[in-house]
Protein backbone atom coordinates (compact mmCIF):
# COMPACT_ATOMS: atom_id res chain seq x y z
CA MET A 1 -67.35 114.90 165.63
CA LEU A 2 -69.43 115.08 168.80
CA VAL A 3 -67.66 113.82 171.90
CA GLU A 4 -69.82 112.45 174.69
CA LYS A 5 -69.66 114.83 177.62
CA GLU A 6 -68.33 113.20 180.79
CA LYS A 7 -70.43 113.99 183.84
CA MET A 8 -68.74 115.07 187.05
CA PHE A 9 -68.72 111.96 189.24
CA ASN A 10 -69.69 112.20 192.87
CA PRO A 11 -66.55 111.97 195.05
CA GLU A 12 -68.60 110.90 198.06
CA ASP A 13 -69.91 107.88 196.11
CA VAL A 14 -66.32 106.92 195.26
CA ILE A 15 -65.30 107.19 198.94
CA GLU A 16 -68.33 105.08 199.94
CA GLN A 17 -67.31 102.37 197.44
CA PHE A 18 -63.73 102.44 198.73
CA GLU A 19 -64.89 102.10 202.35
CA ALA A 20 -67.06 99.10 201.39
CA LEU A 21 -64.18 97.43 199.49
CA THR A 22 -61.72 97.86 202.34
CA MET A 23 -64.12 96.75 205.08
CA ASP A 24 -63.57 93.10 204.16
CA ALA A 25 -60.36 93.22 202.11
CA GLY A 26 -59.59 89.51 202.63
CA ARG A 27 -62.85 88.40 200.99
CA VAL A 28 -62.41 90.94 198.16
CA GLN A 29 -58.89 89.60 197.55
CA GLU A 30 -60.20 86.03 197.18
CA GLU A 31 -62.89 87.23 194.76
CA THR A 32 -60.33 89.21 192.77
CA LEU A 33 -58.00 86.21 192.47
CA ARG A 34 -60.93 84.02 191.41
CA ARG A 35 -61.86 86.50 188.67
CA ILE A 36 -58.27 86.71 187.39
CA LEU A 37 -57.86 82.93 187.32
CA GLN A 38 -61.30 82.26 185.76
CA ASP A 39 -60.70 84.83 183.00
CA ASN A 40 -57.32 83.27 182.19
CA SER A 41 -57.82 79.58 183.05
CA ASP A 42 -57.04 78.39 179.50
CA THR A 43 -53.76 80.27 179.19
CA GLU A 44 -50.58 78.43 178.36
CA TYR A 45 -48.85 79.81 181.46
CA LEU A 46 -51.44 78.67 184.03
CA ARG A 47 -51.89 75.27 182.32
CA LYS A 48 -48.12 74.72 182.34
CA PHE A 49 -48.07 74.74 186.13
CA GLY A 50 -51.08 72.44 186.48
CA LEU A 51 -53.56 74.82 188.06
CA SER A 52 -56.32 72.93 186.16
CA GLY A 53 -58.99 75.60 186.55
CA ARG A 54 -58.69 75.90 190.34
CA THR A 55 -59.13 79.44 191.67
CA ASP A 56 -58.52 79.17 195.41
CA PRO A 57 -55.48 80.94 196.95
CA GLU A 58 -54.01 77.70 198.38
CA SER A 59 -53.89 75.90 195.00
CA PHE A 60 -52.66 79.06 193.31
CA LYS A 61 -49.72 79.46 195.71
CA ALA A 62 -48.90 75.75 195.62
CA CYS A 63 -48.79 75.57 191.80
CA ILE A 64 -47.59 78.97 190.56
CA PRO A 65 -43.99 80.00 191.35
CA LEU A 66 -42.77 83.44 192.36
CA VAL A 67 -41.23 85.11 189.31
CA ALA A 68 -39.23 88.16 188.27
CA HIS A 69 -39.52 89.93 184.92
CA LYS A 70 -36.73 87.84 183.37
CA ASP A 71 -38.85 84.69 183.93
CA LEU A 72 -41.79 86.13 181.98
CA GLU A 73 -39.70 87.82 179.29
CA PRO A 74 -39.91 84.91 176.78
CA TYR A 75 -43.72 84.83 177.07
CA ILE A 76 -44.08 88.60 176.72
CA GLN A 77 -41.68 88.61 173.75
CA ARG A 78 -43.82 86.03 171.93
CA ILE A 79 -46.89 88.22 172.50
CA ALA A 80 -44.99 91.27 171.20
CA ASP A 81 -43.87 89.23 168.17
CA GLY A 82 -47.48 88.52 167.22
CA ASP A 83 -48.37 85.17 168.81
CA GLY A 84 -52.13 85.58 169.31
CA SER A 85 -52.70 82.39 171.30
CA PRO A 86 -53.72 82.71 174.98
CA ILE A 87 -50.22 82.80 176.46
CA LEU A 88 -50.60 84.93 179.62
CA THR A 89 -54.17 86.23 179.25
CA GLY A 90 -57.40 84.80 177.88
CA LYS A 91 -58.14 87.92 175.83
CA PRO A 92 -55.44 89.03 173.40
CA ILE A 93 -52.99 91.70 174.56
CA THR A 94 -53.01 94.57 172.04
CA THR A 95 -50.70 97.03 173.79
CA ILE A 96 -47.27 96.75 175.39
CA SER A 97 -45.99 99.13 178.08
CA LEU A 98 -42.34 100.02 178.42
CA SER A 99 -40.85 100.67 181.83
CA SER A 100 -38.74 103.84 182.12
CA GLY A 101 -35.54 101.79 181.90
CA THR A 102 -33.80 104.00 184.44
CA THR A 103 -33.37 101.21 186.99
CA GLN A 104 -31.69 98.52 184.88
CA GLY A 105 -30.53 100.68 181.97
CA LYS A 106 -32.97 99.28 179.41
CA PRO A 107 -36.78 99.34 179.26
CA LYS A 108 -38.80 96.21 180.06
CA PHE A 109 -41.83 95.07 178.05
CA VAL A 110 -44.98 94.72 180.20
CA PRO A 111 -48.49 93.72 178.97
CA PHE A 112 -51.11 96.50 179.04
CA ASN A 113 -54.87 95.99 178.58
CA ASP A 114 -58.29 97.58 179.18
CA GLU A 115 -58.51 96.08 182.68
CA LEU A 116 -55.25 97.79 183.62
CA MET A 117 -56.59 101.09 182.26
CA ASP A 118 -59.77 100.67 184.33
CA THR A 119 -57.78 100.08 187.52
CA THR A 120 -55.65 103.15 186.73
CA MET A 121 -58.77 105.30 186.52
CA GLN A 122 -60.15 103.73 189.72
CA ILE A 123 -56.97 104.74 191.55
CA PHE A 124 -57.11 108.26 190.07
CA LYS A 125 -60.76 108.71 191.06
CA THR A 126 -60.26 107.30 194.57
CA SER A 127 -57.35 109.56 195.48
CA PHE A 128 -59.09 112.56 193.85
CA ALA A 129 -62.20 111.95 195.96
CA PHE A 130 -60.17 112.07 199.19
CA ARG A 131 -58.12 115.06 197.93
CA ASN A 132 -61.27 116.92 197.02
CA ARG A 133 -62.67 116.41 200.48
CA ASP A 134 -59.66 118.15 202.08
CA PHE A 135 -58.70 120.49 199.21
CA PRO A 136 -61.89 121.12 197.19
CA ILE A 137 -61.52 122.62 193.73
CA GLY A 138 -64.12 124.23 191.51
CA LYS A 139 -64.34 124.25 187.74
CA GLY A 140 -60.90 125.06 186.44
CA LYS A 141 -57.81 123.66 184.79
CA ALA A 142 -54.66 121.78 185.71
CA LEU A 143 -51.20 122.81 184.60
CA GLN A 144 -49.94 119.30 183.93
CA PHE A 145 -46.35 118.79 182.84
CA ILE A 146 -47.10 115.56 181.03
CA TYR A 147 -45.40 114.27 177.90
CA SER A 148 -46.21 111.34 175.70
CA SER A 149 -43.36 109.54 174.02
CA LYS A 150 -43.86 108.05 170.57
CA GLN A 151 -45.76 104.81 170.31
CA PHE A 152 -44.31 102.27 167.92
CA LYS A 153 -45.37 98.90 166.55
CA THR A 154 -43.73 95.71 167.79
CA LYS A 155 -42.70 92.99 165.37
CA GLY A 156 -46.17 91.49 165.79
CA GLY A 157 -47.97 94.79 165.19
CA LEU A 158 -48.86 95.62 168.80
CA ALA A 159 -48.85 99.27 169.90
CA ALA A 160 -45.95 99.85 172.30
CA GLY A 161 -45.16 102.90 174.42
CA THR A 162 -44.32 103.89 177.96
CA ALA A 163 -46.96 103.15 180.59
CA THR A 164 -47.74 106.87 180.90
CA THR A 165 -48.06 107.21 177.10
CA ASN A 166 -50.55 104.33 176.99
CA VAL A 167 -52.60 106.03 179.70
CA TYR A 168 -52.50 109.53 178.18
CA ARG A 169 -53.46 108.22 174.73
CA ASN A 170 -56.51 106.40 176.08
CA GLN A 171 -59.81 108.33 175.76
CA LEU A 172 -60.66 107.40 179.35
CA PHE A 173 -57.82 109.60 180.63
CA SER A 174 -59.04 112.92 179.21
CA LYS A 175 -62.67 112.07 180.06
CA THR A 176 -61.72 111.31 183.67
CA MET A 177 -59.65 114.52 183.96
CA LYS A 178 -62.66 116.53 182.75
CA ALA A 179 -64.92 114.71 185.18
CA MET A 180 -62.54 115.69 187.98
CA ASN A 181 -62.66 119.36 186.89
CA THR A 182 -58.95 119.25 186.07
CA PRO A 183 -58.63 119.22 182.27
CA CYS A 184 -55.11 119.96 181.10
CA CYS A 185 -54.30 123.58 180.11
CA SER A 186 -52.38 122.36 177.09
CA PRO A 187 -53.85 121.00 173.85
CA ASP A 188 -53.14 117.39 172.86
CA GLU A 189 -50.67 118.55 170.23
CA VAL A 190 -48.41 119.81 173.04
CA ILE A 191 -48.77 116.68 175.20
CA PHE A 192 -48.12 114.38 172.23
CA GLY A 193 -45.50 116.60 170.59
CA PRO A 194 -42.33 114.93 169.27
CA ASP A 195 -39.93 117.40 170.94
CA PHE A 196 -39.92 117.48 174.74
CA HIS A 197 -38.25 120.92 174.97
CA GLN A 198 -40.86 122.52 172.71
CA SER A 199 -43.70 120.81 174.61
CA LEU A 200 -42.33 122.04 177.95
CA TYR A 201 -42.11 125.63 176.69
CA CYS A 202 -45.72 125.44 175.47
CA HIS A 203 -46.95 123.87 178.73
CA LEU A 204 -45.53 126.91 180.54
CA LEU A 205 -47.08 129.28 177.99
CA CYS A 206 -50.51 127.60 178.28
CA GLY A 207 -50.30 127.80 182.05
CA LEU A 208 -49.65 131.55 181.85
CA ILE A 209 -52.48 132.10 179.33
CA PHE A 210 -54.90 130.33 181.71
CA CYS A 211 -53.13 131.49 184.90
CA LYS A 212 -56.33 132.52 186.71
CA GLU A 213 -58.02 129.19 185.94
CA VAL A 214 -55.16 126.94 187.10
CA GLN A 215 -56.15 125.14 190.31
CA VAL A 216 -53.63 122.28 190.30
CA VAL A 217 -49.99 122.10 189.17
CA SER A 218 -48.94 118.52 188.59
CA SER A 219 -46.78 115.98 186.82
CA THR A 220 -46.25 112.25 187.10
CA PHE A 221 -43.06 112.83 189.12
CA ALA A 222 -41.93 115.79 191.25
CA HIS A 223 -38.73 115.92 189.19
CA SER A 224 -40.68 117.09 186.11
CA ILE A 225 -42.23 120.01 188.03
CA ILE A 226 -38.78 121.13 189.26
CA HIS A 227 -37.38 120.82 185.74
CA ALA A 228 -40.26 122.87 184.33
CA PHE A 229 -39.76 125.80 186.71
CA ARG A 230 -35.98 125.72 186.40
CA THR A 231 -36.63 126.10 182.67
CA PHE A 232 -39.08 128.95 183.42
CA GLU A 233 -36.26 130.83 185.16
CA GLN A 234 -34.36 130.77 181.85
CA VAL A 235 -37.18 131.58 179.41
CA TRP A 236 -39.69 133.71 181.34
CA GLU A 237 -38.92 136.93 179.45
CA GLU A 238 -39.39 135.15 176.13
CA LEU A 239 -42.75 133.80 177.36
CA CYS A 240 -43.79 137.34 178.34
CA ALA A 241 -42.85 138.56 174.85
CA ASP A 242 -45.00 135.84 173.25
CA ILE A 243 -48.00 136.91 175.33
CA ARG A 244 -47.38 140.62 174.76
CA GLU A 245 -47.19 140.30 170.96
CA GLY A 246 -49.49 137.31 170.53
CA VAL A 247 -46.78 135.66 168.41
CA LEU A 248 -45.25 132.29 169.26
CA SER A 249 -41.47 132.07 169.75
CA SER A 250 -39.44 130.89 166.78
CA ARG A 251 -38.04 128.13 169.04
CA ILE A 252 -41.33 126.25 168.39
CA THR A 253 -40.83 124.59 165.00
CA VAL A 254 -43.21 121.60 165.10
CA PRO A 255 -46.10 122.57 162.75
CA SER A 256 -48.84 120.82 164.74
CA ILE A 257 -47.75 122.52 167.99
CA ARG A 258 -47.46 125.93 166.29
CA ALA A 259 -50.96 125.56 164.81
CA ALA A 260 -52.51 124.52 168.14
CA MET A 261 -50.77 127.29 170.10
CA SER A 262 -51.67 129.98 167.56
CA ARG A 263 -55.33 129.23 168.26
CA LEU A 264 -54.77 129.99 171.97
CA LEU A 265 -52.29 132.86 171.80
CA LYS A 266 -53.67 136.38 171.41
CA PRO A 267 -51.88 139.70 172.14
CA ASP A 268 -52.30 140.52 175.84
CA PRO A 269 -49.90 143.30 176.96
CA GLU A 270 -51.67 143.62 180.31
CA LEU A 271 -51.11 139.95 181.21
CA ALA A 272 -47.51 140.15 179.97
CA ASP A 273 -46.85 143.15 182.23
CA THR A 274 -48.45 141.43 185.23
CA ILE A 275 -46.26 138.35 184.79
CA TYR A 276 -43.17 140.46 184.17
CA TYR A 277 -43.52 142.51 187.36
CA LYS A 278 -44.44 139.47 189.44
CA CYS A 279 -41.24 137.73 188.34
CA LYS A 280 -39.16 140.85 188.96
CA GLY A 281 -40.59 141.10 192.46
CA LEU A 282 -39.64 137.59 193.55
CA SER A 283 -36.64 136.86 195.74
CA ASN A 284 -34.64 133.97 194.24
CA TRP A 285 -37.90 132.64 192.73
CA TYR A 286 -39.33 131.74 196.15
CA GLY A 287 -43.12 131.17 195.91
CA LEU A 288 -43.04 131.30 192.10
CA ILE A 289 -45.97 128.91 191.59
CA PRO A 290 -48.61 130.71 193.73
CA GLU A 291 -47.38 134.05 192.40
CA LEU A 292 -47.98 133.01 188.78
CA PHE A 293 -51.09 130.92 189.46
CA PRO A 294 -52.91 132.59 192.37
CA ASN A 295 -55.86 130.17 192.47
CA THR A 296 -53.73 127.03 192.76
CA ARG A 297 -54.88 124.78 195.61
CA TYR A 298 -51.98 122.32 195.66
CA ILE A 299 -49.02 120.74 193.85
CA TYR A 300 -49.50 117.09 192.90
CA GLY A 301 -47.20 114.30 191.74
CA ILE A 302 -45.27 111.24 192.90
CA MET A 303 -42.96 112.58 195.63
CA THR A 304 -41.77 109.43 197.39
CA GLY A 305 -38.70 107.23 196.92
CA SER A 306 -36.22 108.66 194.45
CA MET A 307 -38.32 111.88 194.27
CA GLU A 308 -37.76 112.84 197.93
CA PRO A 309 -34.48 114.68 197.26
CA TYR A 310 -36.40 117.18 195.08
CA LEU A 311 -38.86 118.19 197.81
CA LYS A 312 -36.74 121.03 199.22
CA LYS A 313 -36.57 122.76 195.83
CA LEU A 314 -40.24 122.05 195.15
CA ARG A 315 -41.20 123.69 198.45
CA HIS A 316 -39.08 126.68 197.43
CA TYR A 317 -41.17 127.12 194.27
CA ALA A 318 -44.45 126.23 196.03
CA GLY A 319 -44.18 128.70 198.90
CA ASP A 320 -47.07 127.94 201.26
CA LEU A 321 -48.93 125.67 198.82
CA PRO A 322 -49.39 122.10 200.08
CA LEU A 323 -47.48 119.29 198.34
CA LEU A 324 -49.73 116.27 197.78
CA SER A 325 -48.12 112.99 196.87
CA ALA A 326 -49.72 110.98 194.07
CA ASP A 327 -50.55 107.29 194.26
CA TYR A 328 -48.38 104.19 194.42
CA GLY A 329 -47.82 102.07 191.35
CA SER A 330 -45.38 101.03 188.66
CA SER A 331 -45.24 100.27 184.94
CA GLU A 332 -46.72 96.87 185.83
CA GLY A 333 -49.83 98.45 187.36
CA TRP A 334 -51.23 100.40 190.29
CA ILE A 335 -51.34 99.16 193.87
CA ALA A 336 -52.57 101.80 196.31
CA ALA A 337 -54.09 105.26 196.61
CA ASN A 338 -53.21 108.22 198.81
CA VAL A 339 -56.33 108.55 200.96
CA ASN A 340 -54.63 110.75 203.58
CA PRO A 341 -53.67 113.74 201.41
CA LYS A 342 -52.90 116.03 204.35
CA LEU A 343 -49.83 113.95 205.26
CA PRO A 344 -46.56 115.51 204.04
CA PRO A 345 -44.80 113.55 201.26
CA GLU A 346 -42.07 112.31 203.65
CA SER A 347 -44.65 110.41 205.73
CA VAL A 348 -47.37 109.72 203.15
CA THR A 349 -49.03 106.30 203.13
CA PHE A 350 -50.97 104.45 200.45
CA ALA A 351 -54.04 102.29 201.05
CA VAL A 352 -54.15 99.16 198.89
CA LEU A 353 -57.25 98.78 196.72
CA PRO A 354 -58.09 95.08 197.24
CA ASN A 355 -60.00 94.65 193.95
CA ILE A 356 -57.37 95.83 191.44
CA GLY A 357 -55.04 92.83 191.79
CA TYR A 358 -54.08 90.02 194.11
CA PHE A 359 -51.27 90.96 196.47
CA GLU A 360 -48.80 88.97 198.56
CA PHE A 361 -46.00 90.21 200.78
CA ILE A 362 -42.62 88.60 201.52
CA PRO A 363 -41.45 89.53 205.06
CA LEU A 364 -37.99 91.09 205.01
CA LYS A 365 -36.38 89.61 208.08
CA ASP A 366 -32.80 88.56 208.75
CA ASN A 367 -32.22 84.93 207.85
CA VAL A 368 -32.39 82.62 210.85
CA ASP A 369 -29.15 80.76 211.71
CA GLY A 370 -27.54 82.07 208.54
CA LEU A 371 -29.81 79.92 206.33
CA GLU A 372 -30.62 81.53 203.00
CA LEU A 373 -34.30 80.59 203.26
CA GLU A 374 -36.73 83.27 202.17
CA PRO A 375 -39.84 83.56 204.34
CA SER A 376 -43.14 82.47 202.76
CA PRO A 377 -45.33 85.31 201.44
CA VAL A 378 -48.32 86.41 203.51
CA GLY A 379 -51.66 87.77 202.32
CA LEU A 380 -52.87 91.37 202.18
CA THR A 381 -54.68 91.23 205.53
CA GLU A 382 -51.95 89.19 207.25
CA VAL A 383 -49.22 91.85 207.21
CA LYS A 384 -48.10 93.39 210.50
CA VAL A 385 -47.75 97.07 211.37
CA GLY A 386 -44.13 98.18 211.54
CA GLU A 387 -42.80 95.33 209.38
CA GLU A 388 -41.16 95.67 205.96
CA TYR A 389 -42.11 93.53 202.96
CA GLU A 390 -41.41 92.98 199.29
CA ILE A 391 -44.60 93.16 197.20
CA ILE A 392 -45.80 90.29 194.97
CA VAL A 393 -48.43 91.20 192.35
CA THR A 394 -50.93 89.11 190.39
CA SER A 395 -52.66 91.36 187.86
CA PHE A 396 -55.46 91.35 185.30
CA ALA A 397 -52.80 91.82 182.59
CA GLY A 398 -51.05 88.45 182.79
CA LEU A 399 -48.58 88.83 185.66
CA TYR A 400 -48.80 85.98 188.18
CA ARG A 401 -46.94 86.12 191.52
CA TYR A 402 -44.69 88.78 190.04
CA ARG A 403 -41.94 90.24 192.21
CA LEU A 404 -42.27 93.99 191.86
CA GLY A 405 -38.93 94.62 193.58
CA ASP A 406 -40.32 97.33 195.90
CA VAL A 407 -39.79 97.37 199.66
CA VAL A 408 -42.70 98.81 201.66
CA LYS A 409 -43.41 99.29 205.34
CA VAL A 410 -46.86 98.74 206.84
CA LYS A 411 -47.77 101.91 208.76
CA GLY A 412 -51.34 100.99 209.71
CA PHE A 413 -54.66 99.84 208.30
CA HIS A 414 -57.59 101.59 206.63
CA ASN A 415 -60.43 99.32 207.73
CA SER A 416 -58.88 95.93 206.85
CA THR A 417 -56.55 96.98 204.02
CA PRO A 418 -52.94 97.95 204.85
CA GLU A 419 -51.55 101.46 204.47
CA LEU A 420 -48.07 101.20 202.96
CA GLN A 421 -45.08 103.51 203.01
CA PHE A 422 -42.68 103.15 200.10
CA ILE A 423 -39.14 102.49 201.37
CA CYS A 424 -36.93 101.69 198.39
CA ARG A 425 -36.27 99.43 195.42
CA ARG A 426 -34.97 96.11 196.75
CA ASN A 427 -32.41 95.63 193.97
CA LEU A 428 -30.94 99.14 194.23
CA LEU A 429 -28.14 98.19 196.55
CA LEU A 430 -24.67 99.61 196.95
CA SER A 431 -22.68 96.53 197.88
CA ILE A 432 -19.05 95.45 197.49
CA ASN A 433 -18.68 92.65 200.05
CA ILE A 434 -20.62 92.41 203.33
CA ASP A 435 -21.96 95.99 203.04
CA LYS A 436 -25.58 96.60 202.04
CA ASN A 437 -26.75 100.18 201.48
CA THR A 438 -30.11 100.94 199.91
CA GLU A 439 -31.37 103.90 197.90
CA LYS A 440 -32.73 105.32 201.17
CA ASP A 441 -29.28 105.04 202.81
CA LEU A 442 -27.77 106.89 199.84
CA GLN A 443 -30.42 109.59 200.09
CA LEU A 444 -29.79 110.11 203.82
CA SER A 445 -26.04 110.34 203.20
CA VAL A 446 -26.53 112.96 200.45
CA GLU A 447 -28.95 114.93 202.66
CA ALA A 448 -26.40 115.04 205.50
CA ALA A 449 -23.56 116.20 203.22
CA SER A 450 -25.69 118.74 201.36
CA LYS A 451 -26.22 120.63 204.63
CA ILE A 452 -22.52 121.56 204.47
CA LEU A 453 -23.11 122.94 200.95
CA ALA A 454 -26.12 124.92 202.16
CA ASP A 455 -23.82 126.99 204.39
CA SER A 456 -22.23 128.25 201.14
CA LYS A 457 -25.73 128.99 199.72
CA LEU A 458 -25.36 126.10 197.26
CA GLU A 459 -27.47 123.00 196.65
CA VAL A 460 -27.15 119.53 195.13
CA LEU A 461 -29.23 119.69 191.94
CA ASP A 462 -29.09 115.94 191.34
CA PHE A 463 -27.02 112.89 192.26
CA THR A 464 -26.37 109.24 191.57
CA SER A 465 -23.92 106.54 192.61
CA HIS A 466 -21.77 103.74 191.24
CA VAL A 467 -19.99 100.78 192.80
CA ASN A 468 -16.45 100.82 191.45
CA THR A 469 -14.93 97.34 191.49
CA SER A 470 -12.28 98.07 188.85
CA THR A 471 -9.83 98.84 191.68
CA ASP A 472 -8.81 96.74 194.67
CA PRO A 473 -10.31 97.43 197.11
CA GLY A 474 -13.52 98.62 195.44
CA ASN A 475 -15.21 101.81 196.56
CA TYR A 476 -18.42 103.84 196.36
CA VAL A 477 -18.49 106.68 193.83
CA ILE A 478 -21.03 109.48 194.31
CA PHE A 479 -21.74 111.87 191.42
CA TRP A 480 -23.05 115.35 192.29
CA GLU A 481 -24.30 118.20 190.15
CA VAL A 482 -24.05 121.38 192.22
CA SER A 483 -25.83 124.72 191.68
CA GLY A 484 -22.61 126.79 191.71
CA GLU A 485 -18.88 126.81 192.46
CA ALA A 486 -17.98 125.33 195.84
CA SER A 487 -14.52 125.56 197.34
CA ASP A 488 -12.27 122.50 197.51
CA GLU A 489 -12.36 122.72 201.30
CA VAL A 490 -16.17 122.53 201.37
CA LEU A 491 -16.33 119.67 198.88
CA LYS A 492 -13.67 117.67 200.76
CA GLU A 493 -15.78 118.08 203.89
CA CYS A 494 -18.87 116.96 201.93
CA CYS A 495 -16.97 113.89 200.70
CA ASN A 496 -15.99 112.90 204.25
CA CYS A 497 -19.54 113.47 205.46
CA LEU A 498 -20.94 111.23 202.69
CA ASP A 499 -18.56 108.45 203.75
CA ARG A 500 -19.34 108.80 207.46
CA SER A 501 -23.10 108.90 206.83
CA PHE A 502 -23.34 105.32 205.53
CA LEU A 503 -24.13 103.70 208.86
CA ASP A 504 -24.50 100.10 207.69
CA ALA A 505 -22.37 97.93 210.04
CA GLY A 506 -20.89 95.95 207.15
CA TYR A 507 -19.82 99.15 205.40
CA MET A 508 -18.30 100.76 208.49
CA SER A 509 -16.31 97.67 209.50
CA SER A 510 -15.10 97.18 205.89
CA ARG A 511 -13.97 100.80 205.67
CA LYS A 512 -12.07 100.53 208.96
CA VAL A 513 -10.00 97.59 207.69
CA ASN A 514 -9.80 99.04 204.15
CA SER A 515 -11.58 96.10 202.48
CA ILE A 516 -13.69 98.91 200.96
CA GLY A 517 -11.69 101.89 199.71
CA PRO A 518 -12.31 105.59 200.42
CA LEU A 519 -15.56 106.98 199.08
CA GLU A 520 -15.09 109.11 195.98
CA LEU A 521 -17.08 112.28 195.28
CA ARG A 522 -17.10 113.31 191.63
CA VAL A 523 -18.62 116.70 190.82
CA VAL A 524 -20.02 116.91 187.29
CA ARG A 525 -20.58 120.02 185.19
CA ARG A 526 -23.96 121.73 185.06
CA GLY A 527 -26.40 120.07 182.67
CA THR A 528 -24.96 116.56 183.02
CA PHE A 529 -28.13 115.06 184.48
CA HIS A 530 -30.12 116.75 181.73
CA LYS A 531 -27.93 114.83 179.25
CA ILE A 532 -28.93 111.61 181.04
CA LEU A 533 -32.60 112.57 180.67
CA ASP A 534 -32.04 113.29 176.96
CA HIS A 535 -30.34 109.88 176.63
CA PHE A 536 -33.38 108.04 178.01
CA VAL A 537 -35.81 110.13 175.95
CA GLY A 538 -33.74 109.18 172.91
CA LEU A 539 -34.31 105.51 173.80
CA GLY A 540 -38.07 106.12 173.71
CA ALA A 541 -38.73 106.85 177.40
CA ALA A 542 -41.32 109.50 178.26
CA VAL A 543 -40.12 112.50 180.25
CA SER A 544 -43.21 112.00 182.46
CA GLN A 545 -41.84 108.62 183.46
CA PHE A 546 -38.19 109.60 183.90
CA LYS A 547 -36.49 108.96 187.23
CA THR A 548 -32.80 109.73 187.73
CA PRO A 549 -31.13 106.34 188.27
CA ARG A 550 -29.79 106.44 191.83
CA CYS A 551 -27.29 103.65 191.26
CA VAL A 552 -25.63 103.20 187.86
CA GLY A 553 -24.40 99.67 187.30
CA ALA A 554 -21.28 98.72 185.37
CA ASN A 555 -23.47 97.37 182.55
CA ASN A 556 -25.17 100.74 182.10
CA THR A 557 -22.22 101.91 180.02
CA ALA A 558 -23.95 104.79 178.20
CA VAL A 559 -25.04 106.59 181.39
CA LEU A 560 -21.73 105.85 183.09
CA ALA A 561 -19.92 107.38 180.11
CA ILE A 562 -22.06 110.56 180.28
CA LEU A 563 -21.21 110.92 183.97
CA CYS A 564 -17.50 110.14 183.70
CA ASN A 565 -17.01 112.40 180.66
CA ASN A 566 -18.45 115.37 182.54
CA VAL A 567 -16.50 115.13 185.82
CA VAL A 568 -14.84 118.44 186.71
CA LYS A 569 -13.61 117.70 190.26
CA THR A 570 -12.81 114.53 192.19
CA TYR A 571 -12.32 114.06 195.93
CA PHE A 572 -11.47 111.01 198.05
CA SER A 573 -12.67 110.64 201.62
CA THR A 574 -10.22 110.79 204.50
CA ALA A 575 -12.94 109.95 207.04
CA TYR A 576 -11.46 106.60 208.07
CA ILE A 577 -7.77 107.58 208.11
C-alpha cells in the first residue's frame, strides 16, 4: 500500500503563525470559546445549564459551573457505555483516553477526538520549530523510548487507551515525526509490542544499529530515558553480541517483534567492537549518550514537576548534551509549548497557545479574614507576572470549565499570551492538621537530604511519601530507594535533614508541640519502584505515561503494600527532640 509522503513543513511558517496568534491572545480566546460553544450548542451538558446557544465569555461563566473530573464522570461513563446522543460534544466521541492513574491510584476516563489530536500536533510542531531554530537537525532519526499500551473496547465499543497510546496509534503522529526529520529508530512492532521489557531492549538495539543517524534521544518523560540507560548498563554486552552475530537475543519471544527486528539486524562485528570499547572506556557511564550516539543534538522529554528529581542522573548520562524540556499538557489535553528551548529544565517556561482551548486561572491567594471564599477565575490575558494560579480548561473534547488541578506561576508574557512555569499538582499535599506541604516541598526536602548521601557516593534512585494517620499523632513517611548500602549513621542524618527541610510554618509548629510525630524514613530494597511501574503497566497504563506517585494515599492500597513489603530499614527523626 502506498503511503502519502509527508512534506517537511517550514518551521519559520509555524513560528510566524504562533507570533500572529499570540499578538492578540484575548481576541483569539474569545473566538476559540465561540467555536467550542457553537460546535457543541445542542449538547445535553450545555443545555442543562441554560446556555441557550450563547457563546460570549460572560454568559458562559455565569451559566457553566467549575467542575472536577468526578462531576463529569457520569457523563463520560455513559459515552463509554455506548450512548451516542450529544452528551458533551456535538460530534460523537469514538475514543477514550486513560490518565496514567499514578496520582489517584486508578486511571480516569477522558474523551479524546480528532480536534484533540490536531491540537497535539500543533503543540509538537510549534515547539519543534523553536527548537530547530536554536538546535537545528538534518535528516536523521530519533531514539524514542515510547511504548503503547494495549487499546481495549469499552462496554459501548469505543476504543480506549492511554493518552499517549491514542496519539502514537494515530497516523498523524508518524507523519508529523517524519515531517520533523525525527522518525523513530524502532519499527511499529517494537513501539506497540505487548511486553515493555522486550520493547525497551529492542529500542536500545535499534538505537545502536542506527547510532550514527540518531540526532535526538527522547521519551514522553525523563524517567523513561533514565530507566532505559540503567537497563543498558545491565544488558550492553548482550546487545553487542546480537550486533556481532546478527542474531536476536532469546529474551525476545514476541513473534511480531522478532520478525521486525530480524529485518533490521545483520552481522556487524565492527560496530559491535566499537560499542564494546566505548562502553569499556567510560567512567561510571558518564557521557554514555553522546558516546553511543555521536551526532545527537539534544535530549528531549518532559522534565518538570515530578521529573525534576531525575535531572541529575540524566545529566550524568547526557554529558555536555543540552536537556530540552518538552511541552506542557495532561491526559485532558495540551496547554502550552516550550518556545524558549535554551532555558534549563529547572527554569523552563511554556507559552499558552490561545487557539487550542479556552483557559481561565484561579488566583492562589491566602483567604481574606479567614473566609473560605475562592477568588473568581481570571482570563488568559488578565494574569499577573509572579502570581500563582490553578488552571481551568475548556476543550474541544467536551470538558467545560474543568479544574486541571495544576498550579502554575506566570513568569512573563510572549506577546500577549502568558509564559507559565509548572509548580505542582494542587491536590498532592502532605497534610495532617494545619500543615500543608506540596510535591515541590517534598522534592526540596529530598534534594537537601540526598546531599548527605552524595558524600558516601550514593544517590536516591526514587522516592515517594505517605501520610500515616494510623498512629496518634500522625506523621510523614518518606520511602527511599538508594543506589547502594548506606550506614545507619548516614541514614539517620538523612532522616533528620528530611524532617528539618519541611519549612512550612504549620508543619514546624506542629512538630515542636508533637501534634505531628517524628518523620519516618523507610529505605526499600532495590527494584521496589520498578515493581510499582510493573503494577501500573499491569493495570493498562503505558510506560511512556508513567510517573512515580510522589504521595501515596491510604486508599492506594496496592502501591502502599508494595512499598511496605519491601522496607529493609526504618529510621525516625530526632530533629525536634
